[in-house]
Amino acid sequence: MNHTISPGLTNTMNYFGSSTYAYKPSGLATYSAGLWGGTRCAVALRAYASELGCLPVSATMTLPGAWKSEGVFDDEGSLKEGTMGAKTAGRMLDQLVWHARSMRAAREAGAAGE
């Protein structure tokens, strides 16, 4: 599905219900064969995840050209240096870890929602 969330992912997210996602930080990783790497899908997915109660971070990992012959992964399965995926993964993961630690501290302090 171009430019939006795939029906399979939407169905899977709906299956578990919003209480599963409530107050949970999340990071979005998208891919495509084209130049945009699924960024348009990420816009829709961020809003959808938020509506389910999830807390998506602002940075997104994108993998454009996922099916190109040179690929985005090396033989060991790691992101190749210099690819968009490698450039965007660190920022998204840094934000995700920060949010996860903050939410854990809030739960331990007995903050609302838990």
PDB file of N, CA and C in Angstrom:
ATOM      1  N   MET A   1       0.853  -1.173   0.000  1.00  0.00           N
ATOM      2  CA  MET A   1       0.000   0.000   0.000  1.00  0.00           C
ATOM      3  C   MET A   1       0.897   1.235   0.000  1.00  0.00           C
ATOM      4  N   ASN A   2       0.829   1.977  -1.025  1.00  0.00           N
ATOM      5  CA  ASN A   2       1.636   3.189  -1.121  1.00  0.00           C
ATOM      6  C   ASN A   2       1.042   4.327  -0.308  1.00  0.00           C
ATOM      7  N   HIS A   3       1.894   5.043   0.365  1.00  0.00           N
ATOM      8  CA  HIS A   3       1.550   6.289   1.058  1.00  0.00           C
ATOM      9  C   HIS A   3       0.724   6.097   2.332  1.00  0.00           C
ATOM     10  N   THR A   4       0.546   4.892   2.810  1.00  0.00           N
ATOM     11  CA  THR A   4      -0.224   4.706   4.034  1.00  0.00           C
ATOM     12  C   THR A   4       0.190   3.405   4.725  1.00  0.00           C
ATOM     13  N   ILE A   5      -0.469   3.088   5.808  1.00  0.00           N
ATOM     14  CA  ILE A   5      -0.173   1.889   6.585  1.00  0.00           C
ATOM     15  C   ILE A   5      -0.737   0.674   5.851  1.00  0.00           C
ATOM     16  N   SER A   6       0.011  -0.409   5.825  1.00  0.00           N
ATOM     17  CA  SER A   6      -0.485  -1.615   5.163  1.00  0.00           C
ATOM     18  C   SER A   6      -1.658  -2.187   5.960  1.00  0.00           C
ATOM     19  N   PRO A   7      -2.639  -2.771   5.279  1.00  0.00           N
ATOM     20  CA  PRO A   7      -3.788  -3.352   5.982  1.00  0.00           C
ATOM     21  C   PRO A   7      -3.380  -4.427   6.987  1.00  0.00           C
ATOM     22  N   GLY A   8      -2.345  -5.196   6.676  1.00  0.00           N
ATOM     23  CA  GLY A   8      -1.901  -6.236   7.600  1.00  0.00           C
ATOM     24  C   GLY A   8      -1.402  -5.668   8.921  1.00  0.00           C
ATOM     25  N   LEU A   9      -0.651  -4.584   8.866  1.00  0.00           N
ATOM     26  CA  LEU A   9      -0.161  -3.953  10.092  1.00  0.00           C
ATOM     27  C   LEU A   9      -1.309  -3.331  10.878  1.00  0.00           C
ATOM     28  N   THR A  10      -2.217  -2.662  10.184  1.00  0.00           N
ATOM     29  CA  THR A  10      -3.378  -2.070  10.852  1.00  0.00           C
ATOM     30  C   THR A  10      -4.192  -3.150  11.552  1.00  0.00           C
ATOM     31  N   ASN A  11      -4.427  -4.262  10.873  1.00  0.00           N
ATOM     32  CA  ASN A  11      -5.191  -5.364  11.453  1.00  0.00           C
ATOM     33  C   ASN A  11      -4.496  -5.922  12.691  1.00  0.00           C
ATOM     34  N   THR A  12      -3.184  -6.087  12.616  1.00  0.00           N
ATOM     35  CA  THR A  12      -2.426  -6.599  13.761  1.00  0.00           C
ATOM     36  C   THR A  12      -2.503  -5.644  14.947  1.00  0.00           C
ATOM     37  N   MET A  13      -2.344  -4.361  14.693  1.00  0.00           N
ATOM     38  CA  MET A  13      -2.416  -3.378  15.778  1.00  0.00           C
ATOM     39  C   MET A  13      -3.814  -3.337  16.386  1.00  0.00           C
ATOM     40  N   ASN A  14      -4.842  -3.447  15.569  1.00  0.00           N
ATOM     41  CA  ASN A  14      -6.214  -3.453  16.071  1.00  0.00           C
ATOM     42  C   ASN A  14      -6.501  -4.679  16.926  1.00  0.00           C
ATOM     43  N   TYR A  15      -5.903  -5.795  16.593  1.00  0.00           N
ATOM     44  CA  TYR A  15      -6.151  -7.049  17.296  1.00  0.00           C
ATOM     45  C   TYR A  15      -5.832  -6.933  18.783  1.00  0.00           C
ATOM     46  N   PHE A  16      -4.767  -6.235  19.118  1.00  0.00           N
ATOM     47  CA  PHE A  16      -4.333  -6.157  20.509  1.00  0.00           C
ATOM     48  C   PHE A  16      -5.037  -5.073  21.315  1.00  0.00           C
ATOM     49  N   GLY A  17      -5.616  -4.103  20.683  1.00  0.00           N
ATOM     50  CA  GLY A  17      -6.367  -3.078  21.401  1.00  0.00           C
ATOM     51  C   GLY A  17      -5.497  -2.003  22.020  1.00  0.00           C
ATOM     52  N   SER A  18      -6.143  -0.889  22.330  1.00  0.00           N
ATOM     53  CA  SER A  18      -5.403   0.292  22.770  1.00  0.00           C
ATOM     54  C   SER A  18      -4.742   0.138  24.135  1.00  0.00           C
ATOM     55  N   SER A  19      -5.285  -0.681  25.027  1.00  0.00           N
ATOM     56  CA  SER A  19      -4.672  -0.803  26.351  1.00  0.00           C
ATOM     57  C   SER A  19      -3.273  -1.415  26.268  1.00  0.00           C
ATOM     58  N   THR A  20      -3.007  -2.187  25.248  1.00  0.00           N
ATOM     59  CA  THR A  20      -1.684  -2.783  25.055  1.00  0.00           C
ATOM     60  C   THR A  20      -0.636  -1.716  24.772  1.00  0.00           C
ATOM     61  N   TYR A  21      -1.041  -0.656  24.106  1.00  0.00           N
ATOM     62  CA  TYR A  21      -0.114   0.382  23.666  1.00  0.00           C
ATOM     63  C   TYR A  21      -0.039   1.581  24.614  1.00  0.00           C
ATOM     64  N   ALA A  22      -0.961   1.669  25.549  1.00  0.00           N
ATOM     65  CA  ALA A  22      -1.058   2.853  26.399  1.00  0.00           C
ATOM     66  C   ALA A  22       0.244   3.126  27.150  1.00  0.00           C
ATOM     67  N   TYR A  23       0.716   4.363  27.027  1.00  0.00           N
ATOM     68  CA  TYR A  23       1.913   4.847  27.718  1.00  0.00           C
ATOM     69  C   TYR A  23       3.194   4.114  27.319  1.00  0.00           C
ATOM     70  N   LYS A  24       3.200   3.480  26.161  1.00  0.00           N
ATOM     71  CA  LYS A  24       4.385   2.767  25.689  1.00  0.00           C
ATOM     72  C   LYS A  24       5.100   3.620  24.637  1.00  0.00           C
ATOM     73  N   PRO A  25       6.383   3.894  24.834  1.00  0.00           N
ATOM     74  CA  PRO A  25       7.131   4.624  23.803  1.00  0.00           C
ATOM     75  C   PRO A  25       7.362   3.714  22.599  1.00  0.00           C
ATOM     76  N   SER A  26       7.464   4.311  21.437  1.00  0.00           N
ATOM     77  CA  SER A  26       7.703   3.528  20.224  1.00  0.00           C
ATOM     78  C   SER A  26       8.557   4.329  19.255  1.00  0.00           C
ATOM     79  N   GLY A  27       9.278   3.612  18.433  1.00  0.00           N
ATOM     80  CA  GLY A  27      10.044   4.208  17.349  1.00  0.00           C
ATOM     81  C   GLY A  27       9.557   3.625  16.042  1.00  0.00           C
ATOM     82  N   LEU A  28       9.458   4.447  15.023  1.00  0.00           N
ATOM     83  CA  LEU A  28       8.969   3.991  13.729  1.00  0.00           C
ATOM     84  C   LEU A  28      10.136   3.744  12.790  1.00  0.00           C
ATOM     85  N   ALA A  29      10.112   2.598  12.133  1.00  0.00           N
ATOM     86  CA  ALA A  29      11.092   2.259  11.100  1.00  0.00           C
ATOM     87  C   ALA A  29      10.311   1.892   9.849  1.00  0.00           C
ATOM     88  N   THR A  30      10.612   2.558   8.750  1.00  0.00           N
ATOM     89  CA  THR A  30       9.895   2.306   7.508  1.00  0.00           C
ATOM     90  C   THR A  30      10.880   2.023   6.381  1.00  0.00           C
ATOM     91  N   TYR A  31      10.378   1.388   5.338  1.00  0.00           N
ATOM     92  CA  TYR A  31      11.218   1.072   4.185  1.00  0.00           C
ATOM     93  C   TYR A  31      10.390   1.135   2.913  1.00  0.00           C
ATOM     94  N   SER A  32      11.062   1.268   1.800  1.00  0.00           N
ATOM     95  CA  SER A  32      10.411   1.177   0.493  1.00  0.00           C
ATOM     96  C   SER A  32      11.475   0.971  -0.572  1.00  0.00           C
ATOM     97  N   ALA A  33      11.012   0.618  -1.746  1.00  0.00           N
ATOM     98  CA  ALA A  33      11.927   0.471  -2.875  1.00  0.00           C
ATOM     99  C   ALA A  33      12.318   1.832  -3.433  1.00  0.00           C
ATOM    100  N   GLY A  34      11.508   2.835  -3.173  1.00  0.00           N
ATOM    101  CA  GLY A  34      11.737   4.166  -3.725  1.00  0.00           C
ATOM    102  C   GLY A  34      12.645   5.030  -2.877  1.00  0.00           C
ATOM    103  N   LEU A  35      12.663   6.303  -3.230  1.00  0.00           N
ATOM    104  CA  LEU A  35      13.552   7.265  -2.576  1.00  0.00           C
ATOM    105  C   LEU A  35      13.068   7.739  -1.215  1.00  0.00           C
ATOM    106  N   TRP A  36      11.787   7.596  -0.932  1.00  0.00           N
ATOM    107  CA  TRP A  36      11.230   8.170   0.291  1.00  0.00           C
ATOM    108  C   TRP A  36      11.340   7.245   1.494  1.00  0.00           C
ATOM    109  N   GLY A  37      11.584   5.979   1.297  1.00  0.00           N
ATOM    110  CA  GLY A  37      11.808   5.061   2.409  1.00  0.00           C
ATOM    111  C   GLY A  37      10.619   4.882   3.326  1.00  0.00           C
ATOM    112  N   GLY A  38       9.413   5.083   2.818  1.00  0.00           N
ATOM    113  CA  GLY A  38       8.221   4.893   3.631  1.00  0.00           C
ATOM    114  C   GLY A  38       7.878   6.063   4.531  1.00  0.00           C
ATOM    115  N   THR A  39       8.458   7.235   4.292  1.00  0.00           N
ATOM    116  CA  THR A  39       8.210   8.372   5.185  1.00  0.00           C
ATOM    117  C   THR A  39       6.752   8.800   5.184  1.00  0.00           C
ATOM    118  N   ARG A  40       6.078   8.667   4.052  1.00  0.00           N
ATOM    119  CA  ARG A  40       4.659   9.047   4.026  1.00  0.00           C
ATOM    120  C   ARG A  40       3.821   8.087   4.858  1.00  0.00           C
ATOM    121  N   CYS A  41       4.198   6.835   4.872  1.00  0.00           N
ATOM    122  CA  CYS A  41       3.521   5.870   5.738  1.00  0.00           C
ATOM    123  C   CYS A  41       3.762   6.223   7.200  1.00  0.00           C
ATOM    124  N   ALA A  42       4.964   6.655   7.534  1.00  0.00           N
ATOM    125  CA  ALA A  42       5.296   6.996   8.922  1.00  0.00           C
ATOM    126  C   ALA A  42       4.409   8.111   9.454  1.00  0.00           C
ATOM    127  N   VAL A  43       4.038   9.049   8.596  1.00  0.00           N
ATOM    128  CA  VAL A  43       3.146  10.138   9.019  1.00  0.00           C
ATOM    129  C   VAL A  43       1.814   9.558   9.479  1.00  0.00           C
ATOM    130  N   ALA A  44       1.249   8.661   8.687  1.00  0.00           N
ATOM    131  CA  ALA A  44      -0.026   8.036   9.045  1.00  0.00           C
ATOM    132  C   ALA A  44       0.137   7.117  10.253  1.00  0.00           C
ATOM    133  N   LEU A  45       1.233   6.383  10.307  1.00  0.00           N
ATOM    134  CA  LEU A  45       1.456   5.439  11.399  1.00  0.00           C
ATOM    135  C   LEU A  45       1.663   6.149  12.732  1.00  0.00           C
ATOM    136  N   ARG A  46       2.344   7.287  12.720  1.00  0.00           N
ATOM    137  CA  ARG A  46       2.551   8.044  13.960  1.00  0.00           C
ATOM    138  C   ARG A  46       1.205   8.481  14.551  1.00  0.00           C
ATOM    139  N   ALA A  47       0.325   8.988  13.710  1.00  0.00           N
ATOM    140  CA  ALA A  47      -1.000   9.407  14.179  1.00  0.00           C
ATOM    141  C   ALA A  47      -1.808   8.209  14.668  1.00  0.00           C
ATOM    142  N   TYR A  48      -1.731   7.106  13.959  1.00  0.00           N
ATOM    143  CA  TYR A  48      -2.479   5.904  14.328  1.00  0.00           C
ATOM    144  C   TYR A  48      -1.989   5.349  15.666  1.00  0.00           C
ATOM    145  N   ALA A  49      -0.672   5.257  15.830  1.00  0.00           N
ATOM    146  CA  ALA A  49      -0.102   4.764  17.084  1.00  0.00           C
ATOM    147  C   ALA A  49      -0.474   5.681  18.248  1.00  0.00           C
ATOM    148  N   SER A  50      -0.452   6.976  18.016  1.00  0.00           N
ATOM    149  CA  SER A  50      -0.833   7.936  19.058  1.00  0.00           C
ATOM    150  C   SER A  50      -2.285   7.748  19.462  1.00  0.00           C
ATOM    151  N   GLU A  51      -3.144   7.509  18.496  1.00  0.00           N
ATOM    152  CA  GLU A  51      -4.567   7.308  18.789  1.00  0.00           C
ATOM    153  C   GLU A  51      -4.788   6.054  19.630  1.00  0.00           C
ATOM    154  N   LEU A  52      -3.920   5.069  19.485  1.00  0.00           N
ATOM    155  CA  LEU A  52      -4.006   3.857  20.299  1.00  0.00           C
ATOM    156  C   LEU A  52      -3.416   4.059  21.696  1.00  0.00           C
ATOM    157  N   GLY A  53      -2.851   5.221  21.966  1.00  0.00           N
ATOM    158  CA  GLY A  53      -2.279   5.510  23.274  1.00  0.00           C
ATOM    159  C   GLY A  53      -0.772   5.357  23.335  1.00  0.00           C
ATOM    160  N   CYS A  54      -0.170   4.975  22.233  1.00  0.00           N
ATOM    161  CA  CYS A  54       1.276   4.809  22.148  1.00  0.00           C
ATOM    162  C   CYS A  54       1.944   6.181  22.098  1.00  0.00           C
ATOM    163  N   LEU A  55       3.207   6.253  22.466  1.00  0.00           N
ATOM    164  CA  LEU A  55       3.943   7.510  22.490  1.00  0.00           C
ATOM    165  C   LEU A  55       5.115   7.441  21.511  1.00  0.00           C
ATOM    166  N   PRO A  56       4.858   7.639  20.209  1.00  0.00           N
ATOM    167  CA  PRO A  56       5.949   7.555  19.234  1.00  0.00           C
ATOM    168  C   PRO A  56       6.912   8.730  19.341  1.00  0.00           C
ATOM    169  N   VAL A  57       8.202   8.430  19.217  1.00  0.00           N
ATOM    170  CA  VAL A  57       9.208   9.491  19.231  1.00  0.00           C
ATOM    171  C   VAL A  57       9.181  10.219  17.895  1.00  0.00           C
ATOM    172  N   SER A  58       9.763  11.413  17.849  1.00  0.00           N
ATOM    173  CA  SER A  58       9.678  12.221  16.631  1.00  0.00           C
ATOM    174  C   SER A  58      10.604  11.732  15.517  1.00  0.00           C
ATOM    175  N   ALA A  59      11.755  11.190  15.855  1.00  0.00           N
ATOM    176  CA  ALA A  59      12.687  10.713  14.830  1.00  0.00           C
ATOM    177  C   ALA A  59      12.209   9.386  14.254  1.00  0.00           C
ATOM    178  N   THR A  60      12.411   9.205  12.962  1.00  0.00           N
ATOM    179  CA  THR A  60      11.997   7.989  12.268  1.00  0.00           C
ATOM    180  C   THR A  60      13.186   7.389  11.536  1.00  0.00           C
ATOM    181  N   MET A  61      13.320   6.081  11.613  1.00  0.00           N
ATOM    182  CA  MET A  61      14.337   5.380  10.834  1.00  0.00           C
ATOM    183  C   MET A  61      13.744   5.059   9.472  1.00  0.00           C
ATOM    184  N   THR A  62      14.406   5.476   8.406  1.00  0.00           N
ATOM    185  CA  THR A  62      13.899   5.213   7.061  1.00  0.00           C
ATOM    186  C   THR A  62      14.931   4.437   6.245  1.00  0.00           C
ATOM    187  N   LEU A  63      14.429   3.509   5.449  1.00  0.00           N
ATOM    188  CA  LEU A  63      15.275   2.684   4.598  1.00  0.00           C
ATOM    189  C   LEU A  63      14.823   2.812   3.147  1.00  0.00           C
ATOM    190  N   PRO A  64      15.238   3.869   2.459  1.00  0.00           N
ATOM    191  CA  PRO A  64      14.891   3.981   1.038  1.00  0.00           C
ATOM    192  C   PRO A  64      15.733   3.016   0.200  1.00  0.00           C
ATOM    193  N   GLY A  65      15.194   2.618  -0.932  1.00  0.00           N
ATOM    194  CA  GLY A  65      15.932   1.721  -1.820  1.00  0.00           C
ATOM    195  C   GLY A  65      16.185   0.360  -1.222  1.00  0.00           C
ATOM    196  N   ALA A  66      15.237  -0.133  -0.434  1.00  0.00           N
ATOM    197  CA  ALA A  66      15.435  -1.378   0.297  1.00  0.00           C
ATOM    198  C   ALA A  66      15.682  -2.582  -0.604  1.00  0.00           C
ATOM    199  N   TRP A  67      15.226  -2.528  -1.846  1.00  0.00           N
ATOM    200  CA  TRP A  67      15.396  -3.664  -2.746  1.00  0.00           C
ATOM    201  C   TRP A  67      16.476  -3.432  -3.793  1.00  0.00           C
ATOM    202  N   LYS A  68      17.242  -2.389  -3.667  1.00  0.00           N
ATOM    203  CA  LYS A  68      18.306  -2.117  -4.628  1.00  0.00           C
ATOM    204  C   LYS A  68      19.411  -3.169  -4.492  1.00  0.00           C
ATOM    205  N   SER A  69      20.111  -3.411  -5.572  1.00  0.00           N
ATOM    206  CA  SER A  69      21.129  -4.467  -5.575  1.00  0.00           C
ATOM    207  C   SER A  69      22.222  -4.226  -4.533  1.00  0.00           C
ATOM    208  N   GLU A  70      22.593  -2.961  -4.317  1.00  0.00           N
ATOM    209  CA  GLU A  70      23.628  -2.684  -3.310  1.00  0.00           C
ATOM    210  C   GLU A  70      23.082  -2.806  -1.894  1.00  0.00           C
ATOM    211  N   GLY A  71      21.768  -2.708  -1.743  1.00  0.00           N
ATOM    212  CA  GLY A  71      21.122  -2.926  -0.461  1.00  0.00           C
ATOM    213  C   GLY A  71      21.474  -1.930   0.625  1.00  0.00           C
ATOM    214  N   VAL A  72      20.868  -2.124   1.770  1.00  0.00           N
ATOM    215  CA  VAL A  72      21.107  -1.260   2.919  1.00  0.00           C
ATOM    216  C   VAL A  72      21.780  -2.023   4.064  1.00  0.00           C
ATOM    217  N   PHE A  73      21.890  -3.348   3.920  1.00  0.00           N
ATOM    218  CA  PHE A  73      22.507  -4.178   4.953  1.00  0.00           C
ATOM    219  C   PHE A  73      23.759  -4.854   4.405  1.00  0.00           C
ATOM    220  N   ASP A  74      24.732  -5.073   5.279  1.00  0.00           N
ATOM    221  CA  ASP A  74      25.925  -5.805   4.862  1.00  0.00           C
ATOM    222  C   ASP A  74      25.681  -7.307   5.019  1.00  0.00           C
ATOM    223  N   ASP A  75      26.690  -8.118   4.765  1.00  0.00           N
ATOM    224  CA  ASP A  75      26.540  -9.573   4.818  1.00  0.00           C
ATOM    225  C   ASP A  75      26.210 -10.094   6.215  1.00  0.00           C
ATOM    226  N   GLU A  76      26.546  -9.334   7.248  1.00  0.00           N
ATOM    227  CA  GLU A  76      26.246  -9.743   8.625  1.00  0.00           C
ATOM    228  C   GLU A  76      24.882  -9.249   9.094  1.00  0.00           C
ATOM    229  N   GLY A  77      24.180  -8.502   8.249  1.00  0.00           N
ATOM    230  CA  GLY A  77      22.858  -7.996   8.611  1.00  0.00           C
ATOM    231  C   GLY A  77      22.866  -6.638   9.284  1.00  0.00           C
ATOM    232  N   SER A  78      24.016  -5.996   9.363  1.00  0.00           N
ATOM    233  CA  SER A  78      24.102  -4.654   9.945  1.00  0.00           C
ATOM    234  C   SER A  78      23.857  -3.606   8.870  1.00  0.00           C
ATOM    235  N   LEU A  79      23.381  -2.450   9.294  1.00  0.00           N
ATOM    236  CA  LEU A  79      23.176  -1.361   8.341  1.00  0.00           C
ATOM    237  C   LEU A  79      24.512  -0.917   7.765  1.00  0.00           C
ATOM    238  N   LYS A  80      24.539  -0.731   6.464  1.00  0.00           N
ATOM    239  CA  LYS A  80      25.761  -0.256   5.817  1.00  0.00           C
ATOM    240  C   LYS A  80      26.010   1.198   6.189  1.00  0.00           C
ATOM    241  N   GLU A  81      27.270   1.508   6.457  1.00  0.00           N
ATOM    242  CA  GLU A  81      27.662   2.885   6.769  1.00  0.00           C
ATOM    243  C   GLU A  81      27.296   3.809   5.613  1.00  0.00           C
ATOM    244  N   GLY A  82      26.847   4.995   5.950  1.00  0.00           N
ATOM    245  CA  GLY A  82      26.548   5.999   4.947  1.00  0.00           C
ATOM    246  C   GLY A  82      25.164   5.904   4.333  1.00  0.00           C
ATOM    247  N   THR A  83      24.425   4.832   4.626  1.00  0.00           N
ATOM    248  CA  THR A  83      23.064   4.726   4.093  1.00  0.00           C
ATOM    249  C   THR A  83      22.117   5.575   4.933  1.00  0.00           C
ATOM    250  N   MET A  84      20.965   5.887   4.367  1.00  0.00           N
ATOM    251  CA  MET A  84      19.968   6.665   5.105  1.00  0.00           C
ATOM    252  C   MET A  84      19.548   5.925   6.369  1.00  0.00           C
ATOM    253  N   GLY A  85      19.426   4.609   6.288  1.00  0.00           N
ATOM    254  CA  GLY A  85      19.063   3.830   7.471  1.00  0.00           C
ATOM    255  C   GLY A  85      20.058   4.006   8.602  1.00  0.00           C
ATOM    256  N   ALA A  86      21.338   3.956   8.270  1.00  0.00           N
ATOM    257  CA  ALA A  86      22.379   4.140   9.286  1.00  0.00           C
ATOM    258  C   ALA A  86      22.348   5.548   9.856  1.00  0.00           C
ATOM    259  N   LYS A  87      22.061   6.521   9.004  1.00  0.00           N
ATOM    260  CA  LYS A  87      22.030   7.916   9.453  1.00  0.00           C
ATOM    261  C   LYS A  87      20.832   8.209  10.352  1.00  0.00           C
ATOM    262  N   THR A  88      19.705   7.529  10.117  1.00  0.00           N
ATOM    263  CA  THR A  88      18.489   7.842  10.871  1.00  0.00           C
ATOM    264  C   THR A  88      18.260   6.921  12.065  1.00  0.00           C
ATOM    265  N   ALA A  89      18.874   5.751  12.073  1.00  0.00           N
ATOM    266  CA  ALA A  89      18.637   4.786  13.149  1.00  0.00           C
ATOM    267  C   ALA A  89      19.109   5.299  14.506  1.00  0.00           C
ATOM    268  N   GLY A  90      20.300   5.863  14.562  1.00  0.00           N
ATOM    269  CA  GLY A  90      20.860   6.308  15.842  1.00  0.00           C
ATOM    270  C   GLY A  90      20.004   7.340  16.539  1.00  0.00           C
ATOM    271  N   ARG A  91      19.551   8.327  15.798  1.00  0.00           N
ATOM    272  CA  ARG A  91      18.723   9.385  16.397  1.00  0.00           C
ATOM    273  C   ARG A  91      17.407   8.812  16.927  1.00  0.00           C
ATOM    274  N   MET A  92      16.762   7.947  16.133  1.00  0.00           N
ATOM    275  CA  MET A  92      15.502   7.354  16.572  1.00  0.00           C
ATOM    276  C   MET A  92      15.716   6.494  17.816  1.00  0.00           C
ATOM    277  N   LEU A  93      16.760   5.683  17.819  1.00  0.00           N
ATOM    278  CA  LEU A  93      17.017   4.820  18.967  1.00  0.00           C
ATOM    279  C   LEU A  93      17.396   5.611  20.212  1.00  0.00           C
ATOM    280  N   ASP A  94      18.160   6.687  20.063  1.00  0.00           N
ATOM    281  CA  ASP A  94      18.487   7.546  21.208  1.00  0.00           C
ATOM    282  C   ASP A  94      17.218   8.112  21.836  1.00  0.00           C
ATOM    283  N   GLN A  95      16.316   8.612  21.002  1.00  0.00           N
ATOM    284  CA  GLN A  95      15.053   9.151  21.514  1.00  0.00           C
ATOM    285  C   GLN A  95      14.217   8.057  22.173  1.00  0.00           C
ATOM    286  N   LEU A  96      14.179   6.880  21.556  1.00  0.00           N
ATOM    287  CA  LEU A  96      13.375   5.783  22.095  1.00  0.00           C
ATOM    288  C   LEU A  96      13.878   5.354  23.469  1.00  0.00           C
ATOM    289  N   VAL A  97      15.184   5.217  23.613  1.00  0.00           N
ATOM    290  CA  VAL A  97      15.759   4.831  24.908  1.00  0.00           C
ATOM    291  C   VAL A  97      15.458   5.894  25.960  1.00  0.00           C
ATOM    292  N   TRP A  98      15.604   7.167  25.606  1.00  0.00           N
ATOM    293  CA  TRP A  98      15.325   8.244  26.555  1.00  0.00           C
ATOM    294  C   TRP A  98      13.865   8.195  27.010  1.00  0.00           C
ATOM    295  N   HIS A  99      12.953   8.044  26.069  1.00  0.00           N
ATOM    296  CA  HIS A  99      11.528   7.990  26.412  1.00  0.00           C
ATOM    297  C   HIS A  99      11.196   6.746  27.235  1.00  0.00           C
ATOM    298  N   ALA A 100      11.795   5.616  26.898  1.00  0.00           N
ATOM    299  CA  ALA A 100      11.537   4.385  27.644  1.00  0.00           C
ATOM    300  C   ALA A 100      11.996   4.519  29.093  1.00  0.00           C
ATOM    301  N   ARG A 101      13.162   5.097  29.296  1.00  0.00           N
ATOM    302  CA  ARG A 101      13.657   5.296  30.664  1.00  0.00           C
ATOM    303  C   ARG A 101      12.779   6.281  31.426  1.00  0.00           C
ATOM    304  N   SER A 102      12.335   7.323  30.749  1.00  0.00           N
ATOM    305  CA  SER A 102      11.468   8.315  31.392  1.00  0.00           C
ATOM    306  C   SER A 102      10.130   7.702  31.783  1.00  0.00           C
ATOM    307  N   MET A 103       9.571   6.890  30.908  1.00  0.00           N
ATOM    308  CA  MET A 103       8.286   6.257  31.218  1.00  0.00           C
ATOM    309  C   MET A 103       8.438   5.238  32.340  1.00  0.00           C
ATOM    310  N   ARG A 104       9.554   4.518  32.377  1.00  0.00           N
ATOM    311  CA  ARG A 104       9.781   3.574  33.472  1.00  0.00           C
ATOM    312  C   ARG A 104       9.835   4.324  34.803  1.00  0.00           C
ATOM    313  N   ALA A 105      10.563   5.434  34.838  1.00  0.00           N
ATOM    314  CA  ALA A 105      10.651   6.228  36.062  1.00  0.00           C
ATOM    315  C   ALA A 105       9.275   6.744  36.472  1.00  0.00           C
ATOM    316  N   ALA A 106       8.472   7.151  35.502  1.00  0.00           N
ATOM    317  CA  ALA A 106       7.123   7.639  35.809  1.00  0.00           C
ATOM    318  C   ALA A 106       6.261   6.515  36.380  1.00  0.00           C
ATOM    319  N   ARG A 107       6.354   5.310  35.803  1.00  0.00           N
ATOM    320  CA  ARG A 107       5.571   4.179  36.329  1.00  0.00           C
ATOM    321  C   ARG A 107       6.004   3.838  37.744  1.00  0.00           C
ATOM    322  N   GLU A 108       7.316   3.843  37.986  1.00  0.00           N
ATOM    323  CA  GLU A 108       7.828   3.526  39.318  1.00  0.00           C
ATOM    324  C   GLU A 108       7.409   4.570  40.342  1.00  0.00           C
ATOM    325  N   ALA A 109       7.230   5.804  39.894  1.00  0.00           N
ATOM    326  CA  ALA A 109       6.800   6.882  40.786  1.00  0.00           C
ATOM    327  C   ALA A 109       5.288   6.884  40.983  1.00  0.00           C
ATOM    328  N   GLY A 110       4.606   5.990  40.285  1.00  0.00           N
ATOM    329  CA  GLY A 110       3.153   5.915  40.426  1.00  0.00           C
ATOM    330  C   GLY A 110       2.422   6.988  39.658  1.00  0.00           C
ATOM    331  N   ALA A 111       2.977   7.396  38.534  1.00  0.00           N
ATOM    332  CA  ALA A 111       2.335   8.427  37.715  1.00  0.00           C
ATOM    333  C   ALA A 111       1.023   7.915  37.143  1.00  0.00           C
ATOM    334  N   ALA A 112       0.180   8.830  36.720  1.00  0.00           N
ATOM    335  CA  ALA A 112      -1.137   8.494  36.169  1.00  0.00           C
ATOM    336  C   ALA A 112      -1.011   7.537  35.001  1.00  0.00           C
ATOM    337  N   GLY A 113      -1.986   6.669  34.873  1.00  0.00           N
ATOM    338  CA  GLY A 113      -2.047   5.768  33.744  1.00  0.00           C
ATOM    339  C   GLY A 113      -1.502   4.379  34.018  1.00  0.00           C
ATOM    340  N   GLU A 114      -0.864   4.164  35.108  1.00  0.00           N
ATOM    341  CA  GLU A 114      -0.310   2.836  35.397  1.00  0.00           C
ATOM    342  C   GLU A 114      -0.793   2.355  36.739  1.00  0.00           C
TER     343      GLU A 114
END
